[in-house]
Amino acid sequence: MTRILSFSLAMLIFTACQTARNSTSDIHLPAQRNIASSTNLIKFLRRLSKSTNIPEHALEKSIISYIKDPTVRMGHRNHVALGLTDDQARRINSLSDDLPYMDKVRKWAMENITVVNSKISKSIAAETYNAIVVNSRGVKNPYLYVKPSTSTRSSVRLRQQETSPVNLITDKQQRLLSDIDELANTSAKKVYQNNLEIFNSRSASSPTVLANGQEIIESAALITKKTGINAMGEGCQTFNKTASREILETKANVDLYRAQLIEDAAHAKAGRTFASVDDISKSSRLTQDEIDLATRKAFQDVLGYTDDESRLALKRLKSKPCKLY
């Protein structure tokens, strides 16, 4: 059954490459897969618990409660901020669940803990994020991003606005644009800016598309920071203009996991963590073959592909008419 399901999903993605119009509301993923380690989230919540005296289980409960909250804010429920559907949000029972989109959920939780729990200050969240994530990966701290202050509304009203899913997506858009602008690879920078604008143009009708588009672009930008290589193919713009939100959600899950694998491989080859590929020698950088190996591994772990299926998928997705990688 798993092989049948993975093959069906492969055909859906391949068809999306050619037409980008097919609905994938009937997508079914393998029940079991290997997921990225949730060690960072466990460490994050444990350290946060010690700093705030809020039990770890209470922190986890606040995250899940926010995601599953049926309240509509600015026209949308909270799960939209993560690029999830109603059904996907309802299926979450624990942050350790083995679901295809849980890597995305865990990453979002570490970046938005002050949103889900008002008792946690940004300073404590920033310190915790620095200790657990920044120091081990060399990435930016989202809690230290300072956005322009334009509101004079009451603190209660401001809190409601700041925690709305649409506002969270908008805030991330600004952070992501800033990160892209700092890339040394000018060609990749332009590709990411153009594709992000495509996702943004679709956000009015579907904020979920933008949320998942941001994950796709952020993952690509991380790969460029760690390898110097453009992580998106020239066919992405055509694909991203019309791909369904379900297809984009699946691709976001794959690309996020892919970026994690590539980052880990880059650090392992260099023998240390680093923020930019410019910080290491050329001989210590990942080759295209090593990047392709991580991409195939992402197909296997997230989509349930066999080794042969992952090779075929990558070959197809790097060739015309797809050219997504």
C-alpha atoms as a PDB file:
ATOM      1  CA  MET A   1       0.000   0.000   0.000  1.00  0.00           C
ATOM      2  CA  THR A   2       2.834   2.411   0.892  1.00  0.00           C
ATOM      3  CA  ARG A   3       4.420   1.946  -2.543  1.00  0.00           C
ATOM      4  CA  ILE A   4       1.078   2.571  -4.237  1.00  0.00           C
ATOM      5  CA  LEU A   5       0.517   5.736  -2.228  1.00  0.00           C
ATOM      6  CA  SER A   6       4.014   7.079  -2.863  1.00  0.00           C
ATOM      7  CA  PHE A   7       3.668   6.354  -6.581  1.00  0.00           C
ATOM      8  CA  SER A   8       0.295   8.129  -6.666  1.00  0.00           C
ATOM      9  CA  LEU A   9       1.786  11.183  -4.988  1.00  0.00           C
ATOM     10  CA  ALA A  10       4.721  11.114  -7.397  1.00  0.00           C
ATOM     11  CA  MET A  11       2.348  11.193 -10.337  1.00  0.00           C
ATOM     12  CA  LEU A  12       0.434  14.088  -8.780  1.00  0.00           C
ATOM     13  CA  ILE A  13       3.622  16.118  -8.381  1.00  0.00           C
ATOM     14  CA  PHE A  14       4.817  15.278 -11.868  1.00  0.00           C
ATOM     15  CA  THR A  15       1.447  16.267 -13.313  1.00  0.00           C
ATOM     16  CA  ALA A  16       1.588  19.504 -11.351  1.00  0.00           C
ATOM     17  CA  CYS A  17       4.958  20.234 -12.990  1.00  0.00           C
ATOM     18  CA  GLN A  18       3.396  19.943 -16.411  1.00  0.00           C
ATOM     19  CA  THR A  19       0.084  21.699 -15.815  1.00  0.00           C
ATOM     20  CA  ALA A  20       0.193  23.120 -12.258  1.00  0.00           C
ATOM     21  CA  ARG A  21      -3.601  23.052 -12.289  1.00  0.00           C
ATOM     22  CA  ASN A  22      -4.545  19.710 -10.791  1.00  0.00           C
ATOM     23  CA  SER A  23      -6.260  19.561  -7.431  1.00  0.00           C
ATOM     24  CA  THR A  24      -4.633  17.215  -4.913  1.00  0.00           C
ATOM     25  CA  SER A  25      -7.340  17.148  -2.297  1.00  0.00           C
ATOM     26  CA  ASP A  26      -7.162  13.346  -2.406  1.00  0.00           C
ATOM     27  CA  ILE A  27      -3.468  13.179  -1.485  1.00  0.00           C
ATOM     28  CA  HIS A  28      -2.670  10.425   0.997  1.00  0.00           C
ATOM     29  CA  LEU A  29       0.820  10.041   2.427  1.00  0.00           C
ATOM     30  CA  PRO A  30       2.415   6.919   3.888  1.00  0.00           C
ATOM     31  CA  ALA A  31       1.370   6.338   7.468  1.00  0.00           C
ATOM     32  CA  GLN A  32       4.969   5.938   8.674  1.00  0.00           C
ATOM     33  CA  ARG A  33       8.168   7.747   7.719  1.00  0.00           C
ATOM     34  CA  ASN A  34      11.428   8.870   9.241  1.00  0.00           C
ATOM     35  CA  ILE A  35      11.097  12.405  10.488  1.00  0.00           C
ATOM     36  CA  ALA A  36      13.713  15.031  11.315  1.00  0.00           C
ATOM     37  CA  SER A  37      14.862  15.032  14.922  1.00  0.00           C
ATOM     38  CA  SER A  38      12.727  17.044  17.316  1.00  0.00           C
ATOM     39  CA  THR A  39      15.681  17.349  19.699  1.00  0.00           C
ATOM     40  CA  ASN A  40      15.963  21.112  19.218  1.00  0.00           C
ATOM     41  CA  LEU A  41      12.322  21.662  20.122  1.00  0.00           C
ATOM     42  CA  ILE A  42      12.638  19.484  23.224  1.00  0.00           C
ATOM     43  CA  LYS A  43      15.708  21.443  24.336  1.00  0.00           C
ATOM     44  CA  PHE A  44      13.976  24.718  23.477  1.00  0.00           C
ATOM     45  CA  LEU A  45      10.891  23.971  25.580  1.00  0.00           C
ATOM     46  CA  ARG A  46      12.971  22.548  28.443  1.00  0.00           C
ATOM     47  CA  ARG A  47      15.159  25.646  28.646  1.00  0.00           C
ATOM     48  CA  LEU A  48      12.145  27.914  28.264  1.00  0.00           C
ATOM     49  CA  SER A  49      10.371  26.058  31.064  1.00  0.00           C
ATOM     50  CA  LYS A  50      13.292  26.635  33.425  1.00  0.00           C
ATOM     51  CA  SER A  51      13.381  30.350  32.559  1.00  0.00           C
ATOM     52  CA  THR A  52       9.643  30.928  32.952  1.00  0.00           C
ATOM     53  CA  ASN A  53       8.550  28.266  35.470  1.00  0.00           C
ATOM     54  CA  ILE A  54       5.929  27.159  32.957  1.00  0.00           C
ATOM     55  CA  PRO A  55       5.823  23.336  32.745  1.00  0.00           C
ATOM     56  CA  GLU A  56       6.948  21.842  29.440  1.00  0.00           C
ATOM     57  CA  HIS A  57       3.608  20.112  28.949  1.00  0.00           C
ATOM     58  CA  ALA A  58       1.843  23.456  29.416  1.00  0.00           C
ATOM     59  CA  LEU A  59       4.056  25.047  26.767  1.00  0.00           C
ATOM     60  CA  GLU A  60       3.283  22.232  24.343  1.00  0.00           C
ATOM     61  CA  LYS A  61      -0.422  22.527  25.126  1.00  0.00           C
ATOM     62  CA  SER A  62      -0.395  26.278  24.388  1.00  0.00           C
ATOM     63  CA  ILE A  63       1.231  25.646  20.996  1.00  0.00           C
ATOM     64  CA  ILE A  64      -1.279  22.985  19.999  1.00  0.00           C
ATOM     65  CA  SER A  65      -4.202  25.014  21.369  1.00  0.00           C
ATOM     66  CA  TYR A  66      -3.190  28.013  19.268  1.00  0.00           C
ATOM     67  CA  ILE A  67      -2.923  25.927  16.103  1.00  0.00           C
ATOM     68  CA  LYS A  68      -6.281  24.201  16.674  1.00  0.00           C
ATOM     69  CA  ASP A  69      -8.135  27.297  17.931  1.00  0.00           C
ATOM     70  CA  PRO A  70     -11.384  27.606  15.888  1.00  0.00           C
ATOM     71  CA  THR A  71     -11.543  31.378  16.427  1.00  0.00           C
ATOM     72  CA  VAL A  72     -11.469  33.395  13.204  1.00  0.00           C
ATOM     73  CA  ARG A  73      -9.048  36.348  13.272  1.00  0.00           C
ATOM     74  CA  MET A  74      -8.974  38.773  10.357  1.00  0.00           C
ATOM     75  CA  GLY A  75     -10.927  36.248   8.304  1.00  0.00           C
ATOM     76  CA  HIS A  76      -8.792  33.179   9.017  1.00  0.00           C
ATOM     77  CA  ARG A  77      -8.080  30.564  11.686  1.00  0.00           C
ATOM     78  CA  ASN A  78      -4.648  30.310  13.271  1.00  0.00           C
ATOM     79  CA  HIS A  79      -3.481  27.213  11.398  1.00  0.00           C
ATOM     80  CA  VAL A  80      -3.297  29.297   8.225  1.00  0.00           C
ATOM     81  CA  ALA A  81      -0.136  30.946   9.610  1.00  0.00           C
ATOM     82  CA  LEU A  82       1.579  27.549   9.370  1.00  0.00           C
ATOM     83  CA  GLY A  83       0.225  26.800   5.907  1.00  0.00           C
ATOM     84  CA  LEU A  84      -2.019  24.028   7.243  1.00  0.00           C
ATOM     85  CA  THR A  85      -5.563  23.033   6.390  1.00  0.00           C
ATOM     86  CA  ASP A  86      -8.366  22.562   8.934  1.00  0.00           C
ATOM     87  CA  ASP A  87      -7.989  18.789   8.705  1.00  0.00           C
ATOM     88  CA  GLN A  88      -4.215  18.893   9.170  1.00  0.00           C
ATOM     89  CA  ALA A  89      -4.555  21.080  12.273  1.00  0.00           C
ATOM     90  CA  ARG A  90      -7.183  18.761  13.766  1.00  0.00           C
ATOM     91  CA  ARG A  91      -4.897  15.746  13.341  1.00  0.00           C
ATOM     92  CA  ILE A  92      -2.187  17.200  15.574  1.00  0.00           C
ATOM     93  CA  ASN A  93      -2.250  15.698  19.048  1.00  0.00           C
ATOM     94  CA  SER A  94       1.378  16.094  20.061  1.00  0.00           C
ATOM     95  CA  LEU A  95       4.452  17.951  18.824  1.00  0.00           C
ATOM     96  CA  SER A  96       6.116  14.554  18.450  1.00  0.00           C
ATOM     97  CA  ASP A  97       3.418  13.280  16.062  1.00  0.00           C
ATOM     98  CA  ASP A  98       4.682  11.466  12.963  1.00  0.00           C
ATOM     99  CA  LEU A  99       2.906  13.565  10.349  1.00  0.00           C
ATOM    100  CA  PRO A 100       4.464  14.880   7.104  1.00  0.00           C
ATOM    101  CA  TYR A 101       4.114  18.510   8.161  1.00  0.00           C
ATOM    102  CA  MET A 102       5.377  18.287  11.761  1.00  0.00           C
ATOM    103  CA  ASP A 103       8.868  19.577  10.937  1.00  0.00           C
ATOM    104  CA  LYS A 104       7.162  22.756   9.788  1.00  0.00           C
ATOM    105  CA  VAL A 105       5.042  22.889  12.942  1.00  0.00           C
ATOM    106  CA  ARG A 106       8.026  22.420  15.258  1.00  0.00           C
ATOM    107  CA  LYS A 107      10.051  25.073  13.427  1.00  0.00           C
ATOM    108  CA  TRP A 108       7.121  27.509  13.569  1.00  0.00           C
ATOM    109  CA  ALA A 109       6.619  26.842  17.287  1.00  0.00           C
ATOM    110  CA  MET A 110      10.203  27.771  18.120  1.00  0.00           C
ATOM    111  CA  GLU A 111       9.904  30.969  16.070  1.00  0.00           C
ATOM    112  CA  ASN A 112       6.532  32.042  17.504  1.00  0.00           C
ATOM    113  CA  ILE A 113       6.403  30.947  21.133  1.00  0.00           C
ATOM    114  CA  THR A 114       5.551  34.495  22.295  1.00  0.00           C
ATOM    115  CA  VAL A 115       2.516  34.422  20.019  1.00  0.00           C
ATOM    116  CA  VAL A 116       1.054  31.248  21.497  1.00  0.00           C
ATOM    117  CA  ASN A 117       1.844  32.141  25.106  1.00  0.00           C
ATOM    118  CA  SER A 118       1.577  35.776  26.221  1.00  0.00           C
ATOM    119  CA  LYS A 119       3.379  35.001  29.508  1.00  0.00           C
ATOM    120  CA  ILE A 120       6.684  34.583  27.655  1.00  0.00           C
ATOM    121  CA  SER A 121       8.620  37.771  26.973  1.00  0.00           C
ATOM    122  CA  LYS A 122      10.490  38.329  23.723  1.00  0.00           C
ATOM    123  CA  SER A 123      13.748  38.744  25.619  1.00  0.00           C
ATOM    124  CA  ILE A 124      13.472  35.286  27.193  1.00  0.00           C
ATOM    125  CA  ALA A 125      12.360  33.769  23.892  1.00  0.00           C
ATOM    126  CA  ALA A 126      15.291  35.437  22.112  1.00  0.00           C
ATOM    127  CA  GLU A 127      17.790  34.182  24.682  1.00  0.00           C
ATOM    128  CA  THR A 128      16.406  30.656  24.440  1.00  0.00           C
ATOM    129  CA  TYR A 129      16.387  30.704  20.637  1.00  0.00           C
ATOM    130  CA  ASN A 130      19.983  31.942  20.624  1.00  0.00           C
ATOM    131  CA  ALA A 131      21.122  29.156  22.920  1.00  0.00           C
ATOM    132  CA  ILE A 132      19.309  26.318  21.169  1.00  0.00           C
ATOM    133  CA  VAL A 133      19.088  27.320  17.501  1.00  0.00           C
ATOM    134  CA  VAL A 134      21.381  30.227  16.609  1.00  0.00           C
ATOM    135  CA  ASN A 135      24.447  28.822  18.358  1.00  0.00           C
ATOM    136  CA  SER A 136      24.057  25.427  16.679  1.00  0.00           C
ATOM    137  CA  ARG A 137      23.038  26.578  13.201  1.00  0.00           C
ATOM    138  CA  GLY A 138      24.269  30.126  12.703  1.00  0.00           C
ATOM    139  CA  VAL A 139      20.849  31.421  11.600  1.00  0.00           C
ATOM    140  CA  LYS A 140      19.135  34.681  12.532  1.00  0.00           C
ATOM    141  CA  ASN A 141      16.997  35.104  15.618  1.00  0.00           C
ATOM    142  CA  PRO A 142      13.380  35.975  14.653  1.00  0.00           C
ATOM    143  CA  TYR A 143      12.756  37.475  18.103  1.00  0.00           C
ATOM    144  CA  LEU A 144      15.392  40.139  17.509  1.00  0.00           C
ATOM    145  CA  TYR A 145      13.786  41.412  14.317  1.00  0.00           C
ATOM    146  CA  VAL A 146      12.486  44.933  14.889  1.00  0.00           C
ATOM    147  CA  LYS A 147       9.516  45.941  12.762  1.00  0.00           C
ATOM    148  CA  PRO A 148       8.372  49.540  12.319  1.00  0.00           C
ATOM    149  CA  SER A 149       5.776  50.620  14.883  1.00  0.00           C
ATOM    150  CA  THR A 150       2.695  51.978  13.159  1.00  0.00           C
ATOM    151  CA  SER A 151      -0.113  51.251  15.608  1.00  0.00           C
ATOM    152  CA  THR A 152      -1.430  53.418  18.441  1.00  0.00           C
ATOM    153  CA  ARG A 153      -4.196  51.007  19.405  1.00  0.00           C
ATOM    154  CA  SER A 154      -4.754  49.625  22.905  1.00  0.00           C
ATOM    155  CA  SER A 155      -2.449  46.856  24.111  1.00  0.00           C
ATOM    156  CA  VAL A 156      -5.297  44.321  24.022  1.00  0.00           C
ATOM    157  CA  ARG A 157      -6.260  45.245  20.486  1.00  0.00           C
ATOM    158  CA  LEU A 158      -2.611  45.293  19.430  1.00  0.00           C
ATOM    159  CA  ARG A 159      -2.083  41.821  20.909  1.00  0.00           C
ATOM    160  CA  GLN A 160      -5.080  40.482  18.948  1.00  0.00           C
ATOM    161  CA  GLN A 161      -3.740  42.011  15.773  1.00  0.00           C
ATOM    162  CA  GLU A 162      -0.171  40.791  16.279  1.00  0.00           C
ATOM    163  CA  THR A 163      -1.271  37.200  16.915  1.00  0.00           C
ATOM    164  CA  SER A 164      -3.596  36.987  13.920  1.00  0.00           C
ATOM    165  CA  PRO A 165      -2.444  34.493  11.264  1.00  0.00           C
ATOM    166  CA  VAL A 166      -2.396  37.056   8.453  1.00  0.00           C
ATOM    167  CA  ASN A 167      -0.238  39.428  10.489  1.00  0.00           C
ATOM    168  CA  LEU A 168       2.199  36.635  11.351  1.00  0.00           C
ATOM    169  CA  ILE A 169       2.572  35.791   7.662  1.00  0.00           C
ATOM    170  CA  THR A 170       3.124  39.473   6.852  1.00  0.00           C
ATOM    171  CA  ASP A 171       5.783  39.806   9.540  1.00  0.00           C
ATOM    172  CA  LYS A 172       7.621  36.755   8.253  1.00  0.00           C
ATOM    173  CA  GLN A 173       7.506  38.185   4.738  1.00  0.00           C
ATOM    174  CA  GLN A 174       9.492  41.209   5.895  1.00  0.00           C
ATOM    175  CA  ARG A 175      12.059  39.078   7.733  1.00  0.00           C
ATOM    176  CA  LEU A 176      12.449  36.787   4.756  1.00  0.00           C
ATOM    177  CA  LEU A 177      12.945  39.670   2.324  1.00  0.00           C
ATOM    178  CA  SER A 178      15.659  41.008   4.599  1.00  0.00           C
ATOM    179  CA  ASP A 179      17.393  37.611   4.730  1.00  0.00           C
ATOM    180  CA  ILE A 180      17.244  37.208   0.946  1.00  0.00           C
ATOM    181  CA  ASP A 181      18.711  40.656   0.428  1.00  0.00           C
ATOM    182  CA  GLU A 182      21.811  39.598   2.369  1.00  0.00           C
ATOM    183  CA  LEU A 183      22.617  36.631   0.104  1.00  0.00           C
ATOM    184  CA  ALA A 184      25.944  36.891  -1.698  1.00  0.00           C
ATOM    185  CA  ASN A 185      24.677  34.929  -4.698  1.00  0.00           C
ATOM    186  CA  THR A 186      22.970  37.724  -6.669  1.00  0.00           C
ATOM    187  CA  SER A 187      21.479  35.331  -9.204  1.00  0.00           C
ATOM    188  CA  ALA A 188      19.816  33.226  -6.493  1.00  0.00           C
ATOM    189  CA  LYS A 189      18.695  36.388  -4.717  1.00  0.00           C
ATOM    190  CA  LYS A 190      16.787  37.543  -7.788  1.00  0.00           C
ATOM    191  CA  VAL A 191      15.191  34.130  -8.286  1.00  0.00           C
ATOM    192  CA  TYR A 192      13.985  34.026  -4.677  1.00  0.00           C
ATOM    193  CA  GLN A 193      12.669  37.593  -4.753  1.00  0.00           C
ATOM    194  CA  ASN A 194      10.714  36.924  -7.950  1.00  0.00           C
ATOM    195  CA  ASN A 195       9.206  33.699  -6.642  1.00  0.00           C
ATOM    196  CA  LEU A 196       8.311  35.264  -3.305  1.00  0.00           C
ATOM    197  CA  GLU A 197       6.494  38.026  -5.159  1.00  0.00           C
ATOM    198  CA  ILE A 198       4.504  35.387  -7.041  1.00  0.00           C
ATOM    199  CA  PHE A 199       3.413  33.790  -3.776  1.00  0.00           C
ATOM    200  CA  ASN A 200       2.600  37.208  -2.354  1.00  0.00           C
ATOM    201  CA  SER A 201       0.392  38.019  -5.351  1.00  0.00           C
ATOM    202  CA  ARG A 202      -1.683  34.914  -4.539  1.00  0.00           C
ATOM    203  CA  SER A 203      -2.007  35.662  -0.829  1.00  0.00           C
ATOM    204  CA  ALA A 204      -5.251  37.653  -1.057  1.00  0.00           C
ATOM    205  CA  SER A 205      -7.145  34.592  -2.236  1.00  0.00           C
ATOM    206  CA  SER A 206      -5.119  32.104  -0.195  1.00  0.00           C
ATOM    207  CA  PRO A 207      -2.817  33.137   2.687  1.00  0.00           C
ATOM    208  CA  THR A 208      -1.963  29.440   3.004  1.00  0.00           C
ATOM    209  CA  VAL A 209      -0.250  29.614  -0.381  1.00  0.00           C
ATOM    210  CA  LEU A 210       1.963  32.445   0.846  1.00  0.00           C
ATOM    211  CA  ALA A 211       2.720  30.697   4.148  1.00  0.00           C
ATOM    212  CA  ASN A 212       3.924  27.576   2.342  1.00  0.00           C
ATOM    213  CA  GLY A 213       5.617  29.669  -0.325  1.00  0.00           C
ATOM    214  CA  GLN A 214       7.604  31.395   2.398  1.00  0.00           C
ATOM    215  CA  GLU A 215       8.794  28.011   3.696  1.00  0.00           C
ATOM    216  CA  ILE A 216       9.842  27.014   0.180  1.00  0.00           C
ATOM    217  CA  ILE A 217      11.795  30.245  -0.347  1.00  0.00           C
ATOM    218  CA  GLU A 218      13.277  30.263   3.160  1.00  0.00           C
ATOM    219  CA  SER A 219      14.479  26.693   2.684  1.00  0.00           C
ATOM    220  CA  ALA A 220      16.078  27.613  -0.637  1.00  0.00           C
ATOM    221  CA  ALA A 221      17.756  30.666   0.891  1.00  0.00           C
ATOM    222  CA  LEU A 222      19.172  28.545   3.726  1.00  0.00           C
ATOM    223  CA  ILE A 223      20.635  26.111   1.210  1.00  0.00           C
ATOM    224  CA  THR A 224      22.261  28.999  -0.668  1.00  0.00           C
ATOM    225  CA  LYS A 225      23.725  30.383   2.579  1.00  0.00           C
ATOM    226  CA  LYS A 226      25.223  27.004   3.415  1.00  0.00           C
ATOM    227  CA  THR A 227      26.342  25.931  -0.082  1.00  0.00           C
ATOM    228  CA  GLY A 228      26.480  29.023  -2.305  1.00  0.00           C
ATOM    229  CA  ILE A 229      24.289  27.230  -4.841  1.00  0.00           C
ATOM    230  CA  ASN A 230      20.946  28.378  -6.250  1.00  0.00           C
ATOM    231  CA  ALA A 231      18.445  25.902  -4.777  1.00  0.00           C
ATOM    232  CA  MET A 232      15.546  26.632  -7.158  1.00  0.00           C
ATOM    233  CA  GLY A 233      15.255  25.724 -10.831  1.00  0.00           C
ATOM    234  CA  GLU A 234      14.138  28.058 -13.590  1.00  0.00           C
ATOM    235  CA  GLY A 235      10.789  26.301 -13.858  1.00  0.00           C
ATOM    236  CA  CYS A 236       9.726  27.365 -10.369  1.00  0.00           C
ATOM    237  CA  GLN A 237       8.132  30.653 -11.401  1.00  0.00           C
ATOM    238  CA  THR A 238       5.755  28.986 -13.853  1.00  0.00           C
ATOM    239  CA  PHE A 239       4.994  26.243 -11.352  1.00  0.00           C
ATOM    240  CA  ASN A 240       4.426  28.602  -8.421  1.00  0.00           C
ATOM    241  CA  LYS A 241       1.983  30.798 -10.337  1.00  0.00           C
ATOM    242  CA  THR A 242      -0.637  28.077 -10.625  1.00  0.00           C
ATOM    243  CA  ALA A 243       0.250  25.112  -8.402  1.00  0.00           C
ATOM    244  CA  SER A 244      -2.572  24.246  -6.020  1.00  0.00           C
ATOM    245  CA  ARG A 245      -2.209  25.006  -2.319  1.00  0.00           C
ATOM    246  CA  GLU A 246      -2.129  21.265  -1.599  1.00  0.00           C
ATOM    247  CA  ILE A 247       0.783  20.710  -3.977  1.00  0.00           C
ATOM    248  CA  LEU A 248       2.636  23.705  -2.507  1.00  0.00           C
ATOM    249  CA  GLU A 249       2.041  22.434   1.030  1.00  0.00           C
ATOM    250  CA  THR A 250       3.578  19.092   0.086  1.00  0.00           C
ATOM    251  CA  LYS A 251       6.535  20.791  -1.594  1.00  0.00           C
ATOM    252  CA  ALA A 252       7.063  23.020   1.452  1.00  0.00           C
ATOM    253  CA  ASN A 253       7.291  19.916   3.664  1.00  0.00           C
ATOM    254  CA  VAL A 254       9.821  18.318   1.323  1.00  0.00           C
ATOM    255  CA  ASP A 255      11.897  21.476   0.878  1.00  0.00           C
ATOM    256  CA  LEU A 256      12.059  22.232   4.602  1.00  0.00           C
ATOM    257  CA  TYR A 257      13.308  18.728   5.356  1.00  0.00           C
ATOM    258  CA  ARG A 258      15.686  18.914   2.379  1.00  0.00           C
ATOM    259  CA  ALA A 259      17.190  22.153   3.694  1.00  0.00           C
ATOM    260  CA  GLN A 260      17.686  20.593   7.137  1.00  0.00           C
ATOM    261  CA  LEU A 261      19.504  17.620   5.624  1.00  0.00           C
ATOM    262  CA  ILE A 262      21.703  19.833   3.452  1.00  0.00           C
ATOM    263  CA  GLU A 263      22.549  22.125   6.352  1.00  0.00           C
ATOM    264  CA  ASP A 264      23.513  19.143   8.528  1.00  0.00           C
ATOM    265  CA  ALA A 265      25.620  17.694   5.706  1.00  0.00           C
ATOM    266  CA  ALA A 266      27.316  21.052   5.110  1.00  0.00           C
ATOM    267  CA  HIS A 267      28.242  21.388   8.774  1.00  0.00           C
ATOM    268  CA  ALA A 268      29.453  17.789   8.932  1.00  0.00           C
ATOM    269  CA  LYS A 269      31.701  18.206   5.887  1.00  0.00           C
ATOM    270  CA  ALA A 270      33.106  21.481   7.206  1.00  0.00           C
ATOM    271  CA  GLY A 271      33.654  19.966  10.639  1.00  0.00           C
ATOM    272  CA  ARG A 272      31.842  22.836  12.346  1.00  0.00           C
ATOM    273  CA  THR A 273      28.745  24.999  12.190  1.00  0.00           C
ATOM    274  CA  PHE A 274      28.891  28.202  10.183  1.00  0.00           C
ATOM    275  CA  ALA A 275      26.555  31.015   9.123  1.00  0.00           C
ATOM    276  CA  SER A 276      27.733  31.477   5.532  1.00  0.00           C
ATOM    277  CA  VAL A 277      29.479  29.335   2.954  1.00  0.00           C
ATOM    278  CA  ASP A 278      31.999  32.162   2.663  1.00  0.00           C
ATOM    279  CA  ASP A 279      33.224  31.205   6.141  1.00  0.00           C
ATOM    280  CA  ILE A 280      34.627  27.875   4.942  1.00  0.00           C
ATOM    281  CA  SER A 281      37.144  26.790   2.296  1.00  0.00           C
ATOM    282  CA  LYS A 282      35.962  25.735  -1.154  1.00  0.00           C
ATOM    283  CA  SER A 283      37.212  22.210  -0.547  1.00  0.00           C
ATOM    284  CA  SER A 284      34.892  21.946   2.470  1.00  0.00           C
ATOM    285  CA  ARG A 285      31.764  22.936   0.576  1.00  0.00           C
ATOM    286  CA  LEU A 286      29.074  20.517  -0.563  1.00  0.00           C
ATOM    287  CA  THR A 287      29.114  19.449  -4.194  1.00  0.00           C
ATOM    288  CA  GLN A 288      26.023  19.286  -6.388  1.00  0.00           C
ATOM    289  CA  ASP A 289      26.073  15.496  -6.123  1.00  0.00           C
ATOM    290  CA  GLU A 290      26.025  15.728  -2.329  1.00  0.00           C
ATOM    291  CA  ILE A 291      23.114  18.169  -2.489  1.00  0.00           C
ATOM    292  CA  ASP A 292      21.253  15.839  -4.848  1.00  0.00           C
ATOM    293  CA  LEU A 293      21.808  12.970  -2.409  1.00  0.00           C
ATOM    294  CA  ALA A 294      20.137  14.987   0.367  1.00  0.00           C
ATOM    295  CA  THR A 295      17.263  15.886  -1.967  1.00  0.00           C
ATOM    296  CA  ARG A 296      16.644  12.227  -2.741  1.00  0.00           C
ATOM    297  CA  LYS A 297      16.774  11.450   0.976  1.00  0.00           C
ATOM    298  CA  ALA A 298      14.085  14.095   1.555  1.00  0.00           C
ATOM    299  CA  PHE A 299      11.872  12.429  -1.057  1.00  0.00           C
ATOM    300  CA  GLN A 300      12.356   9.097   0.691  1.00  0.00           C
ATOM    301  CA  ASP A 301      11.696  10.295   4.235  1.00  0.00           C
ATOM    302  CA  VAL A 302       8.862  12.751   3.586  1.00  0.00           C
ATOM    303  CA  LEU A 303       7.096  11.103   0.652  1.00  0.00           C
ATOM    304  CA  GLY A 304       7.941   7.471   1.341  1.00  0.00           C
ATOM    305  CA  TYR A 305       9.815   6.928  -1.933  1.00  0.00           C
ATOM    306  CA  THR A 306      12.192   4.035  -2.477  1.00  0.00           C
ATOM    307  CA  ASP A 307      15.766   4.829  -3.527  1.00  0.00           C
ATOM    308  CA  ASP A 308      14.945   4.127  -7.176  1.00  0.00           C
ATOM    309  CA  GLU A 309      11.782   6.237  -7.023  1.00  0.00           C
ATOM    310  CA  SER A 310      13.673   9.145  -5.485  1.00  0.00           C
ATOM    311  CA  ARG A 311      16.298   9.015  -8.235  1.00  0.00           C
ATOM    312  CA  LEU A 312      13.610   9.026 -10.901  1.00  0.00           C
ATOM    313  CA  ALA A 313      11.730  11.849  -9.190  1.00  0.00           C
ATOM    314  CA  LEU A 314      14.778  14.096  -8.920  1.00  0.00           C
ATOM    315  CA  LYS A 315      15.778  13.427 -12.513  1.00  0.00           C
ATOM    316  CA  ARG A 316      12.274  14.363 -13.623  1.00  0.00           C
ATOM    317  CA  LEU A 317      12.071  17.449 -11.416  1.00  0.00           C
ATOM    318  CA  LYS A 318      15.451  18.756 -12.620  1.00  0.00           C
ATOM    319  CA  SER A 319      14.517  18.327 -16.291  1.00  0.00           C
ATOM    320  CA  LYS A 320      12.076  20.104 -18.594  1.00  0.00           C
ATOM    321  CA  PRO A 321       9.222  20.875 -18.290  1.00  0.00           C
ATOM    322  CA  CYS A 322       9.557  20.867 -14.477  1.00  0.00           C
ATOM    323  CA  LYS A 323      13.020  22.201 -13.617  1.00  0.00           C
ATOM    324  CA  LEU A 324      12.086  22.784  -9.985  1.00  0.00           C
ATOM    325  CA  TYR A 325      15.510  21.872  -8.582  1.00  0.00           C
END
